[in-house]
Protein backbone atom coordinates (compact mmCIF):
# COMPACT_ATOMS: atom_id res chain seq x y z
CA MET A 1 38.21 64.12 90.80
CA ARG A 2 36.77 62.37 93.88
CA VAL A 3 35.16 59.77 91.64
CA LEU A 4 38.48 59.26 89.87
CA LEU A 5 40.30 58.79 93.18
CA SER A 6 37.59 56.45 94.44
CA LEU A 7 37.96 54.47 91.24
CA THR A 8 41.72 54.50 91.73
CA ALA A 9 41.27 53.11 95.24
CA PHE A 10 38.99 50.41 93.87
CA LEU A 11 41.53 49.43 91.22
CA VAL A 12 44.71 49.47 93.30
CA LEU A 13 43.69 48.35 96.76
CA PRO A 14 43.30 44.61 97.43
CA PRO A 15 39.69 43.44 97.84
CA GLY A 16 38.33 44.26 101.26
CA THR A 17 40.78 47.13 101.87
CA ALA A 18 39.13 49.94 99.90
CA LEU A 19 38.32 52.92 102.09
CA GLN A 20 34.70 52.95 103.19
CA ALA A 21 32.77 56.06 104.22
CA GLU A 22 32.64 54.80 107.82
CA ASP A 23 36.42 54.29 108.03
CA ARG A 24 38.03 56.88 110.24
CA ILE A 25 41.34 58.24 109.06
CA ASN A 26 43.66 59.12 111.91
CA PHE A 27 46.06 61.98 111.16
CA ALA A 28 48.88 60.73 113.38
CA ARG A 29 48.62 57.13 112.21
CA ASP A 30 47.65 57.53 108.54
CA ILE A 31 48.54 61.01 107.23
CA ARG A 32 51.55 62.33 109.15
CA PRO A 33 53.82 59.43 108.07
CA ILE A 34 53.01 60.13 104.39
CA LEU A 35 53.71 63.85 104.77
CA SER A 36 56.83 63.20 106.83
CA ALA A 37 58.31 60.81 104.28
CA ASN A 38 57.39 62.81 101.18
CA CYS A 39 56.77 66.47 102.03
CA TYR A 40 58.45 67.69 105.22
CA GLN A 41 61.94 67.76 103.72
CA CYS A 42 60.87 70.77 101.61
CA HIS A 43 57.77 71.89 103.52
CA GLY A 44 58.71 71.27 107.14
CA ALA A 45 60.31 72.94 110.14
CA ASP A 46 63.71 73.78 108.62
CA ASP A 47 63.58 77.42 107.45
CA ALA A 48 66.73 76.97 105.36
CA SER A 49 65.32 74.15 103.23
CA ARG A 50 61.67 75.23 103.09
CA GLU A 51 60.28 75.67 99.57
CA ALA A 52 57.53 78.08 98.48
CA ASP A 53 57.27 79.42 102.04
CA LEU A 54 54.94 76.48 102.77
CA ARG A 55 54.88 74.48 105.98
CA LEU A 56 52.85 71.31 106.06
CA ASP A 57 54.00 70.19 109.51
CA VAL A 58 51.99 72.90 111.28
CA ARG A 59 48.21 72.83 110.78
CA LYS A 60 47.73 76.61 110.92
CA ALA A 61 50.37 77.14 108.20
CA ALA A 62 49.07 74.27 106.04
CA ILE A 63 45.50 75.63 105.93
CA GLU A 64 46.45 79.31 105.63
CA LYS A 65 45.70 80.94 102.29
CA GLN A 66 48.72 81.94 100.24
CA GLY A 67 47.44 84.15 97.48
CA GLU A 68 44.33 82.61 95.94
CA SER A 69 44.48 79.20 97.59
CA ALA A 70 45.55 77.15 100.57
CA ALA A 71 47.59 73.96 100.49
CA ILE A 72 44.93 72.19 102.53
CA VAL A 73 41.30 73.22 102.75
CA PRO A 74 39.74 71.12 105.52
CA GLY A 75 36.64 69.33 104.30
CA ASP A 76 37.14 70.42 100.67
CA PRO A 77 39.86 68.41 98.95
CA LEU A 78 38.94 69.79 95.52
CA ALA A 79 39.84 73.28 96.77
CA SER A 80 43.13 72.07 98.29
CA ASP A 81 46.23 72.97 96.31
CA MET A 82 48.00 69.92 97.76
CA VAL A 83 45.39 67.56 96.28
CA ARG A 84 45.66 69.29 92.92
CA ARG A 85 49.43 68.89 92.98
CA ILE A 86 49.63 65.28 94.17
CA THR A 87 47.12 64.22 91.49
CA SER A 88 48.63 66.27 88.65
CA GLU A 89 50.29 64.66 85.66
CA ASP A 90 52.12 67.88 84.80
CA ASP A 91 55.82 67.58 85.71
CA ASP A 92 55.91 71.32 86.52
CA ILE A 93 53.11 71.01 89.09
CA ILE A 94 53.23 67.50 90.56
CA MET A 95 54.31 67.01 94.14
CA PRO A 96 56.55 65.57 95.22
CA PRO A 97 58.62 66.69 92.23
CA LYS A 98 59.98 63.93 90.03
CA ASP A 99 63.60 64.99 90.74
CA SER A 100 63.08 64.55 94.49
CA GLY A 101 63.20 60.78 94.10
CA LYS A 102 60.00 60.55 96.13
CA SER A 103 56.58 59.50 94.92
CA LEU A 104 53.21 58.78 96.41
CA LYS A 105 51.55 55.40 96.06
CA PRO A 106 47.96 55.45 94.79
CA GLN A 107 46.75 54.36 98.25
CA GLN A 108 48.52 57.34 99.82
CA ILE A 109 46.90 59.72 97.34
CA VAL A 110 43.51 58.31 98.27
CA LEU A 111 44.23 58.90 101.96
CA LEU A 112 45.39 62.47 101.35
CA ASN A 113 42.26 63.23 99.38
């Protein structure tokens, strides 16, 4: 999957902007805005609107195992349920759900992986 996402980055990012191994991703600058715009509405601080009892706005909750897996497994994107869901082509699994009106750009998927 990593090769596929690297290939995706190569195909969709303009020349000279592909992520390099030495590039440092900053959570506050690069990741939080993606999660805030696409995930926090259903997986954020509001107990009343939270889906699947999953919080992605709090690190401890995001990396905590729920059943067999965790939404985010630091250092192991292939084990992260979030990566599996944002890269899925199955309408029953993909996040954000199609009916939410939200979608991730290929560059955002690369960053989240």
